């Protein structure tokens, strides 16, 4: 059982990740497939059906797939890695 303090921390991390994903998904300088994947990860994080850990793990999986895309701008790749590191704590 997760304590209320830890649950609040996890929810805050999910909010941080969704904020960054929103920026990526709306950035017109980012290739369309990467924006689409960001929206997919965003949808997974916003789902209320699954636990926080499963939502984080699913989003990380999608982001890992796109992080190797050679067409991704370097600043977007840095943001994706940042999101993954934020979510790793929740998944953990």
PDB file of N, CA and C in Angstrom:
ATOM      1  N   UNK A   1       0.844  -1.190   0.000  1.00  0.00           N
ATOM      2  CA  UNK A   1       0.000   0.000   0.000  1.00  0.00           C
ATOM      3  C   UNK A   1       0.881   1.243   0.000  1.00  0.00           C
ATOM      4  N   UNK A   2       0.571   2.167  -0.872  1.00  0.00           N
ATOM      5  CA  UNK A   2       1.346   3.394  -1.016  1.00  0.00           C
ATOM      6  C   UNK A   2       0.796   4.447  -0.057  1.00  0.00           C
ATOM      7  N   UNK A   3       1.690   5.131   0.639  1.00  0.00           N
ATOM      8  CA  UNK A   3       1.248   6.156   1.586  1.00  0.00           C
ATOM      9  C   UNK A   3       0.658   7.353   0.835  1.00  0.00           C
ATOM     10  N   UNK A   4      -0.134   8.123   1.555  1.00  0.00           N
ATOM     11  CA  UNK A   4      -0.775   9.293   0.937  1.00  0.00           C
ATOM     12  C   UNK A   4       0.261  10.306   0.464  1.00  0.00           C
ATOM     13  N   UNK A   5       1.341  10.441   1.229  1.00  0.00           N
ATOM     14  CA  UNK A   5       2.406  11.380   0.851  1.00  0.00           C
ATOM     15  C   UNK A   5       3.060  10.942  -0.458  1.00  0.00           C
ATOM     16  N   UNK A   6       3.367   9.647  -0.557  1.00  0.00           N
ATOM     17  CA  UNK A   6       4.002   9.127  -1.768  1.00  0.00           C
ATOM     18  C   UNK A   6       3.041   9.200  -2.953  1.00  0.00           C
ATOM     19  N   UNK A   7       1.767   8.906  -2.717  1.00  0.00           N
ATOM     20  CA  UNK A   7       0.764   8.985  -3.776  1.00  0.00           C
ATOM     21  C   UNK A   7       0.658  10.411  -4.314  1.00  0.00           C
ATOM     22  N   UNK A   8       0.696  11.390  -3.421  1.00  0.00           N
ATOM     23  CA  UNK A   8       0.655  12.794  -3.844  1.00  0.00           C
ATOM     24  C   UNK A   8       1.891  13.143  -4.664  1.00  0.00           C
ATOM     25  N   UNK A   9       3.048  12.607  -4.258  1.00  0.00           N
ATOM     26  CA  UNK A   9       4.284  12.853  -5.019  1.00  0.00           C
ATOM     27  C   UNK A   9       4.180  12.248  -6.421  1.00  0.00           C
ATOM     28  N   UNK A  10       3.649  11.033  -6.505  1.00  0.00           N
ATOM     29  CA  UNK A  10       3.496  10.373  -7.803  1.00  0.00           C
ATOM     30  C   UNK A  10       2.541  11.149  -8.695  1.00  0.00           C
ATOM     31  N   UNK A  11       1.437  11.616  -8.133  1.00  0.00           N
ATOM     32  CA  UNK A  11       0.481  12.398  -8.919  1.00  0.00           C
ATOM     33  C   UNK A  11       1.115  13.690  -9.414  1.00  0.00           C
ATOM     34  N   UNK A  12       1.958  14.295  -8.580  1.00  0.00           N
ATOM     35  CA  UNK A  12       2.657  15.518  -8.987  1.00  0.00           C
ATOM     36  C   UNK A  12       3.620  15.222 -10.144  1.00  0.00           C
ATOM     37  N   UNK A  13       4.294  14.097 -10.087  1.00  0.00           N
ATOM     38  CA  UNK A  13       5.208  13.712 -11.172  1.00  0.00           C
ATOM     39  C   UNK A  13       4.435  13.449 -12.462  1.00  0.00           C
ATOM     40  N   UNK A  14       3.273  12.833 -12.353  1.00  0.00           N
ATOM     41  CA  UNK A  14       2.434  12.604 -13.536  1.00  0.00           C
ATOM     42  C   UNK A  14       2.029  13.951 -14.134  1.00  0.00           C
ATOM     43  N   UNK A  15       1.691  14.915 -13.296  1.00  0.00           N
ATOM     44  CA  UNK A  15       1.316  16.251 -13.782  1.00  0.00           C
ATOM     45  C   UNK A  15       2.487  16.930 -14.481  1.00  0.00           C
ATOM     46  N   UNK A  16       3.696  16.783 -13.925  1.00  0.00           N
ATOM     47  CA  UNK A  16       4.890  17.354 -14.564  1.00  0.00           C
ATOM     48  C   UNK A  16       5.091  16.739 -15.943  1.00  0.00           C
ATOM     49  N   UNK A  17       4.982  15.423 -16.010  1.00  0.00           N
ATOM     50  CA  UNK A  17       5.189  14.716 -17.277  1.00  0.00           C
ATOM     51  C   UNK A  17       4.124  15.115 -18.297  1.00  0.00           C
ATOM     52  N   UNK A  18       2.871  15.244 -17.866  1.00  0.00           N
ATOM     53  CA  UNK A  18       1.814  15.612 -18.811  1.00  0.00           C
ATOM     54  C   UNK A  18       2.009  17.038 -19.323  1.00  0.00           C
ATOM     55  N   UNK A  19       2.524  17.912 -18.480  1.00  0.00           N
ATOM     56  CA  UNK A  19       2.778  19.289 -18.928  1.00  0.00           C
ATOM     57  C   UNK A  19       3.839  19.308 -20.036  1.00  0.00           C
ATOM     58  N   UNK A  20       4.905  18.553 -19.850  1.00  0.00           N
ATOM     59  CA  UNK A  20       5.971  18.514 -20.858  1.00  0.00           C
ATOM     60  C   UNK A  20       5.481  17.823 -22.128  1.00  0.00           C
ATOM     61  N   UNK A  21       4.721  16.746 -21.965  1.00  0.00           N
ATOM     62  CA  UNK A  21       4.172  16.044 -23.137  1.00  0.00           C
ATOM     63  C   UNK A  21       3.230  16.945 -23.925  1.00  0.00           C
ATOM     64  N   UNK A  22       2.473  17.779 -23.235  1.00  0.00           N
ATOM     65  CA  UNK A  22       1.581  18.718 -23.932  1.00  0.00           C
ATOM     66  C   UNK A  22       2.373  19.680 -24.796  1.00  0.00           C
ATOM     67  N   UNK A  23       3.493  20.154 -24.272  1.00  0.00           N
ATOM     68  CA  UNK A  23       4.349  21.065 -25.034  1.00  0.00           C
ATOM     69  C   UNK A  23       4.881  20.363 -26.283  1.00  0.00           C
ATOM     70  N   UNK A  24       5.350  19.117 -26.110  1.00  0.00           N
ATOM     71  CA  UNK A  24       5.882  18.364 -27.248  1.00  0.00           C
ATOM     72  C   UNK A  24       4.796  18.117 -28.287  1.00  0.00           C
ATOM     73  N   UNK A  25       3.604  17.727 -27.834  1.00  0.00           N
ATOM     74  CA  UNK A  25       2.532  17.373 -28.773  1.00  0.00           C
ATOM     75  C   UNK A  25       2.004  18.578 -29.549  1.00  0.00           C
ATOM     76  N   UNK A  26       2.254  19.778 -29.044  1.00  0.00           N
ATOM     77  CA  UNK A  26       1.781  20.988 -29.726  1.00  0.00           C
ATOM     78  C   UNK A  26       2.889  21.733 -30.469  1.00  0.00           C
ATOM     79  N   UNK A  27       4.113  21.239 -30.395  1.00  0.00           N
ATOM     80  CA  UNK A  27       5.259  21.887 -31.027  1.00  0.00           C
ATOM     81  C   UNK A  27       5.299  21.546 -32.520  1.00  0.00           C
ATOM     82  N   UNK A  28       5.050  22.517 -33.354  1.00  0.00           N
ATOM     83  CA  UNK A  28       4.997  22.290 -34.804  1.00  0.00           C
ATOM     84  C   UNK A  28       6.365  22.018 -35.429  1.00  0.00           C
ATOM     85  N   UNK A  29       7.451  22.268 -34.690  1.00  0.00           N
ATOM     86  CA  UNK A  29       8.781  21.976 -35.228  1.00  0.00           C
ATOM     87  C   UNK A  29       9.171  20.512 -34.988  1.00  0.00           C
ATOM     88  N   UNK A  30       8.355  19.804 -34.225  1.00  0.00           N
ATOM     89  CA  UNK A  30       8.592  18.384 -33.946  1.00  0.00           C
ATOM     90  C   UNK A  30       7.874  17.551 -35.003  1.00  0.00           C
ATOM     91  N   UNK A  31       8.515  16.517 -35.526  1.00  0.00           N
ATOM     92  CA  UNK A  31       7.876  15.671 -36.542  1.00  0.00           C
ATOM     93  C   UNK A  31       6.538  15.092 -36.055  1.00  0.00           C
ATOM     94  N   UNK A  32       5.645  14.886 -36.989  1.00  0.00           N
ATOM     95  CA  UNK A  32       4.280  14.461 -36.694  1.00  0.00           C
ATOM     96  C   UNK A  32       4.218  13.138 -35.924  1.00  0.00           C
ATOM     97  N   UNK A  33       5.057  12.166 -36.306  1.00  0.00           N
ATOM     98  CA  UNK A  33       5.006  10.876 -35.614  1.00  0.00           C
ATOM     99  C   UNK A  33       5.409  10.997 -34.144  1.00  0.00           C
ATOM    100  N   UNK A  34       6.299  11.906 -33.845  1.00  0.00           N
ATOM    101  CA  UNK A  34       6.726  12.114 -32.462  1.00  0.00           C
ATOM    102  C   UNK A  34       5.637  12.838 -31.679  1.00  0.00           C
ATOM    103  N   UNK A  35       4.994  13.812 -32.311  1.00  0.00           N
ATOM    104  CA  UNK A  35       3.860  14.486 -31.658  1.00  0.00           C
ATOM    105  C   UNK A  35       2.737  13.492 -31.388  1.00  0.00           C
ATOM    106  N   UNK A  36       2.499  12.600 -32.335  1.00  0.00           N
ATOM    107  CA  UNK A  36       1.449  11.581 -32.175  1.00  0.00           C
ATOM    108  C   UNK A  36       1.773  10.659 -30.999  1.00  0.00           C
ATOM    109  N   UNK A  37       3.031  10.244 -30.895  1.00  0.00           N
ATOM    110  CA  UNK A  37       3.444   9.383 -29.781  1.00  0.00           C
ATOM    111  C   UNK A  37       3.337  10.122 -28.447  1.00  0.00           C
ATOM    112  N   UNK A  38       3.657  11.410 -28.461  1.00  0.00           N
ATOM    113  CA  UNK A  38       3.520  12.211 -27.236  1.00  0.00           C
ATOM    114  C   UNK A  38       2.056  12.286 -26.811  1.00  0.00           C
ATOM    115  N   UNK A  39       1.162  12.445 -27.778  1.00  0.00           N
ATOM    116  CA  UNK A  39      -0.271  12.466 -27.461  1.00  0.00           C
ATOM    117  C   UNK A  39      -0.734  11.109 -26.941  1.00  0.00           C
ATOM    118  N   UNK A  40      -0.188  10.036 -27.506  1.00  0.00           N
ATOM    119  CA  UNK A  40      -0.536   8.691 -27.043  1.00  0.00           C
ATOM    120  C   UNK A  40      -0.085   8.489 -25.596  1.00  0.00           C
ATOM    121  N   UNK A  41       1.144   8.898 -25.288  1.00  0.00           N
ATOM    122  CA  UNK A  41       1.660   8.787 -23.920  1.00  0.00           C
ATOM    123  C   UNK A  41       0.849   9.663 -22.969  1.00  0.00           C
ATOM    124  N   UNK A  42       0.453  10.824 -23.454  1.00  0.00           N
ATOM    125  CA  UNK A  42      -0.369  11.732 -22.659  1.00  0.00           C
ATOM    126  C   UNK A  42      -1.712  11.088 -22.322  1.00  0.00           C
ATOM    127  N   UNK A  43      -2.309  10.445 -23.305  1.00  0.00           N
ATOM    128  CA  UNK A  43      -3.567   9.745 -23.080  1.00  0.00           C
ATOM    129  C   UNK A  43      -3.420   8.626 -22.061  1.00  0.00           C
ATOM    130  N   UNK A  44      -2.306   7.915 -22.123  1.00  0.00           N
ATOM    131  CA  UNK A  44      -2.062   6.839 -21.158  1.00  0.00           C
ATOM    132  C   UNK A  44      -1.924   7.384 -19.740  1.00  0.00           C
ATOM    133  N   UNK A  45      -1.235   8.509 -19.612  1.00  0.00           N
ATOM    134  CA  UNK A  45      -1.052   9.093 -18.281  1.00  0.00           C
ATOM    135  C   UNK A  45      -2.362   9.637 -17.721  1.00  0.00           C
ATOM    136  N   UNK A  46      -3.240  10.108 -18.586  1.00  0.00           N
ATOM    137  CA  UNK A  46      -4.508  10.682 -18.136  1.00  0.00           C
ATOM    138  C   UNK A  46      -5.590   9.638 -17.901  1.00  0.00           C
ATOM    139  N   UNK A  47      -5.341   8.399 -18.289  1.00  0.00           N
ATOM    140  CA  UNK A  47      -6.308   7.322 -18.096  1.00  0.00           C
ATOM    141  C   UNK A  47      -6.530   7.102 -16.600  1.00  0.00           C
ATOM    142  N   UNK A  48      -7.784   6.917 -16.216  1.00  0.00           N
ATOM    143  CA  UNK A  48      -8.085   6.686 -14.800  1.00  0.00           C
ATOM    144  C   UNK A  48      -8.369   5.215 -14.527  1.00  0.00           C
ATOM    145  N   UNK A  49      -8.328   4.389 -15.548  1.00  0.00           N
ATOM    146  CA  UNK A  49      -8.649   2.969 -15.403  1.00  0.00           C
ATOM    147  C   UNK A  49      -7.504   2.214 -14.719  1.00  0.00           C
ATOM    148  N   UNK A  50      -6.267   2.564 -15.049  1.00  0.00           N
ATOM    149  CA  UNK A  50      -5.098   1.844 -14.552  1.00  0.00           C
ATOM    150  C   UNK A  50      -4.468   2.550 -13.353  1.00  0.00           C
ATOM    151  N   UNK A  51      -3.608   1.828 -12.635  1.00  0.00           N
ATOM    152  CA  UNK A  51      -2.893   2.431 -11.509  1.00  0.00           C
ATOM    153  C   UNK A  51      -1.843   3.411 -12.031  1.00  0.00           C
ATOM    154  N   UNK A  52      -1.350   4.258 -11.141  1.00  0.00           N
ATOM    155  CA  UNK A  52      -0.328   5.234 -11.538  1.00  0.00           C
ATOM    156  C   UNK A  52       0.916   4.545 -12.088  1.00  0.00           C
ATOM    157  N   UNK A  53       1.334   3.451 -11.457  1.00  0.00           N
ATOM    158  CA  UNK A  53       2.541   2.754 -11.890  1.00  0.00           C
ATOM    159  C   UNK A  53       2.379   2.168 -13.290  1.00  0.00           C
ATOM    160  N   UNK A  54       1.220   1.588 -13.576  1.00  0.00           N
ATOM    161  CA  UNK A  54       0.981   1.000 -14.899  1.00  0.00           C
ATOM    162  C   UNK A  54       0.891   2.094 -15.946  1.00  0.00           C
ATOM    163  N   UNK A  55       0.231   3.199 -15.612  1.00  0.00           N
ATOM    164  CA  UNK A  55       0.144   4.323 -16.554  1.00  0.00           C
ATOM    165  C   UNK A  55       1.534   4.846 -16.877  1.00  0.00           C
ATOM    166  N   UNK A  56       2.373   4.992 -15.858  1.00  0.00           N
ATOM    167  CA  UNK A  56       3.742   5.475 -16.073  1.00  0.00           C
ATOM    168  C   UNK A  56       4.538   4.490 -16.927  1.00  0.00           C
ATOM    169  N   UNK A  57       4.409   3.199 -16.640  1.00  0.00           N
ATOM    170  CA  UNK A  57       5.137   2.182 -17.400  1.00  0.00           C
ATOM    171  C   UNK A  57       4.709   2.179 -18.864  1.00  0.00           C
ATOM    172  N   UNK A  58       3.423   2.304 -19.120  1.00  0.00           N
ATOM    173  CA  UNK A  58       2.930   2.338 -20.500  1.00  0.00           C
ATOM    174  C   UNK A  58       3.454   3.564 -21.244  1.00  0.00           C
ATOM    175  N   UNK A  59       3.437   4.708 -20.583  1.00  0.00           N
ATOM    176  CA  UNK A  59       3.935   5.933 -21.216  1.00  0.00           C
ATOM    177  C   UNK A  59       5.434   5.828 -21.490  1.00  0.00           C
ATOM    178  N   UNK A  60       6.179   5.264 -20.550  1.00  0.00           N
ATOM    179  CA  UNK A  60       7.621   5.085 -20.739  1.00  0.00           C
ATOM    180  C   UNK A  60       7.890   4.190 -21.948  1.00  0.00           C
ATOM    181  N   UNK A  61       7.093   3.151 -22.094  1.00  0.00           N
ATOM    182  CA  UNK A  61       7.262   2.236 -23.228  1.00  0.00           C
ATOM    183  C   UNK A  61       7.110   2.974 -24.555  1.00  0.00           C
ATOM    184  N   UNK A  62       6.086   3.807 -24.666  1.00  0.00           N
ATOM    185  CA  UNK A  62       5.859   4.579 -25.894  1.00  0.00           C
ATOM    186  C   UNK A  62       7.014   5.551 -26.128  1.00  0.00           C
ATOM    187  N   UNK A  63       7.450   6.224 -25.064  1.00  0.00           N
ATOM    188  CA  UNK A  63       8.521   7.211 -25.195  1.00  0.00           C
ATOM    189  C   UNK A  63       9.859   6.556 -25.521  1.00  0.00           C
ATOM    190  N   UNK A  64      10.100   5.371 -24.988  1.00  0.00           N
ATOM    191  CA  UNK A  64      11.337   4.644 -25.325  1.00  0.00           C
ATOM    192  C   UNK A  64      11.374   4.315 -26.815  1.00  0.00           C
ATOM    193  N   UNK A  65      10.223   3.949 -27.358  1.00  0.00           N
ATOM    194  CA  UNK A  65      10.161   3.615 -28.787  1.00  0.00           C
ATOM    195  C   UNK A  65      10.539   4.808 -29.661  1.00  0.00           C
ATOM    196  N   UNK A  66      10.061   5.992 -29.303  1.00  0.00           N
ATOM    197  CA  UNK A  66      10.342   7.161 -30.156  1.00  0.00           C
ATOM    198  C   UNK A  66      11.668   7.835 -29.836  1.00  0.00           C
ATOM    199  N   UNK A  67      12.253   7.534 -28.679  1.00  0.00           N
ATOM    200  CA  UNK A  67      13.475   8.250 -28.290  1.00  0.00           C
ATOM    201  C   UNK A  67      14.652   7.945 -29.223  1.00  0.00           C
ATOM    202  N   UNK A  68      14.561   6.855 -29.971  1.00  0.00           N
ATOM    203  CA  UNK A  68      15.633   6.486 -30.892  1.00  0.00           C
ATOM    204  C   UNK A  68      15.418   7.020 -32.306  1.00  0.00           C
ATOM    205  N   UNK A  69      14.331   7.745 -32.514  1.00  0.00           N
ATOM    206  CA  UNK A  69      14.004   8.268 -33.839  1.00  0.00           C
ATOM    207  C   UNK A  69      15.065   9.279 -34.284  1.00  0.00           C
ATOM    208  N   UNK A  70      15.714   9.035 -35.413  1.00  0.00           N
ATOM    209  CA  UNK A  70      16.768   9.952 -35.872  1.00  0.00           C
ATOM    210  C   UNK A  70      16.238  11.329 -36.299  1.00  0.00           C
ATOM    211  N   UNK A  71      14.942  11.429 -36.557  1.00  0.00           N
ATOM    212  CA  UNK A  71      14.365  12.710 -36.969  1.00  0.00           C
ATOM    213  C   UNK A  71      13.978  13.604 -35.802  1.00  0.00           C
ATOM    214  N   UNK A  72      14.128  13.098 -34.589  1.00  0.00           N
ATOM    215  CA  UNK A  72      13.739  13.881 -33.426  1.00  0.00           C
ATOM    216  C   UNK A  72      14.745  14.999 -33.174  1.00  0.00           C
ATOM    217  N   UNK A  73      14.261  16.228 -33.030  1.00  0.00           N
ATOM    218  CA  UNK A  73      15.172  17.333 -32.703  1.00  0.00           C
ATOM    219  C   UNK A  73      15.842  17.091 -31.343  1.00  0.00           C
ATOM    220  N   UNK A  74      17.077  17.523 -31.190  1.00  0.00           N
ATOM    221  CA  UNK A  74      17.798  17.273 -29.927  1.00  0.00           C
ATOM    222  C   UNK A  74      17.083  17.811 -28.690  1.00  0.00           C
ATOM    223  N   UNK A  75      16.468  18.988 -28.776  1.00  0.00           N
ATOM    224  CA  UNK A  75      15.782  19.547 -27.610  1.00  0.00           C
ATOM    225  C   UNK A  75      14.556  18.721 -27.240  1.00  0.00           C
ATOM    226  N   UNK A  76      13.911  18.109 -28.227  1.00  0.00           N
ATOM    227  CA  UNK A  76      12.766  17.245 -27.940  1.00  0.00           C
ATOM    228  C   UNK A  76      13.241  15.943 -27.308  1.00  0.00           C
ATOM    229  N   UNK A  77      14.354  15.413 -27.787  1.00  0.00           N
ATOM    230  CA  UNK A  77      14.906  14.181 -27.209  1.00  0.00           C
ATOM    231  C   UNK A  77      15.238  14.407 -25.731  1.00  0.00           C
ATOM    232  N   UNK A  78      15.801  15.568 -25.416  1.00  0.00           N
ATOM    233  CA  UNK A  78      16.121  15.894 -24.027  1.00  0.00           C
ATOM    234  C   UNK A  78      14.855  15.938 -23.185  1.00  0.00           C
ATOM    235  N   UNK A  79      13.793  16.520 -23.730  1.00  0.00           N
ATOM    236  CA  UNK A  79      12.518  16.562 -23.007  1.00  0.00           C
ATOM    237  C   UNK A  79      11.965  15.157 -22.782  1.00  0.00           C
ATOM    238  N   UNK A  80      12.069  14.309 -23.795  1.00  0.00           N
ATOM    239  CA  UNK A  80      11.577  12.931 -23.670  1.00  0.00           C
ATOM    240  C   UNK A  80      12.355  12.195 -22.586  1.00  0.00           C
ATOM    241  N   UNK A  81      13.667  12.333 -22.574  1.00  0.00           N
ATOM    242  CA  UNK A  81      14.470  11.688 -21.531  1.00  0.00           C
ATOM    243  C   UNK A  81      14.095  12.226 -20.153  1.00  0.00           C
ATOM    244  N   UNK A  82      13.819  13.519 -20.072  1.00  0.00           N
ATOM    245  CA  UNK A  82      13.402  14.124 -18.812  1.00  0.00           C
ATOM    246  C   UNK A  82      12.090  13.498 -18.333  1.00  0.00           C
ATOM    247  N   UNK A  83      11.134  13.338 -19.247  1.00  0.00           N
ATOM    248  CA  UNK A  83       9.852  12.728 -18.887  1.00  0.00           C
ATOM    249  C   UNK A  83      10.065  11.301 -18.392  1.00  0.00           C
ATOM    250  N   UNK A  84      10.897  10.548 -19.096  1.00  0.00           N
ATOM    251  CA  UNK A  84      11.148   9.158 -18.708  1.00  0.00           C
ATOM    252  C   UNK A  84      11.744   9.113 -17.309  1.00  0.00           C
ATOM    253  N   UNK A  85      12.695   9.996 -17.013  1.00  0.00           N
ATOM    254  CA  UNK A  85      13.305   9.991 -15.678  1.00  0.00           C
ATOM    255  C   UNK A  85      12.297  10.383 -14.598  1.00  0.00           C
ATOM    256  N   UNK A  86      11.388  11.295 -14.918  1.00  0.00           N
ATOM    257  CA  UNK A  86      10.327  11.669 -13.978  1.00  0.00           C
ATOM    258  C   UNK A  86       9.423  10.483 -13.696  1.00  0.00           C
ATOM    259  N   UNK A  87       9.060   9.759 -14.753  1.00  0.00           N
ATOM    260  CA  UNK A  87       8.113   8.651 -14.621  1.00  0.00           C
ATOM    261  C   UNK A  87       8.736   7.384 -14.040  1.00  0.00           C
ATOM    262  N   UNK A  88      10.045   7.226 -14.153  1.00  0.00           N
ATOM    263  CA  UNK A  88      10.711   6.037 -13.614  1.00  0.00           C
ATOM    264  C   UNK A  88      10.459   5.889 -12.118  1.00  0.00           C
ATOM    265  N   UNK A  89      10.380   7.012 -11.413  1.00  0.00           N
ATOM    266  CA  UNK A  89      10.133   6.987  -9.967  1.00  0.00           C
ATOM    267  C   UNK A  89       8.727   6.436  -9.696  1.00  0.00           C
ATOM    268  N   UNK A  90       7.775   6.840 -10.501  1.00  0.00           N
ATOM    269  CA  UNK A  90       6.394   6.384 -10.320  1.00  0.00           C
ATOM    270  C   UNK A  90       6.279   4.896 -10.642  1.00  0.00           C
ATOM    271  N   UNK A  91       6.932   4.491 -11.709  1.00  0.00           N
ATOM    272  CA  UNK A  91       6.876   3.092 -12.152  1.00  0.00           C
ATOM    273  C   UNK A  91       7.531   2.180 -11.124  1.00  0.00           C
ATOM    274  N   UNK A  92       8.639   2.646 -10.567  1.00  0.00           N
ATOM    275  CA  UNK A  92       9.502   1.902  -9.701  1.00  0.00           C
ATOM    276  C   UNK A  92       8.878   1.087  -8.660  1.00  0.00           C
TER     277      UNK A  92
END
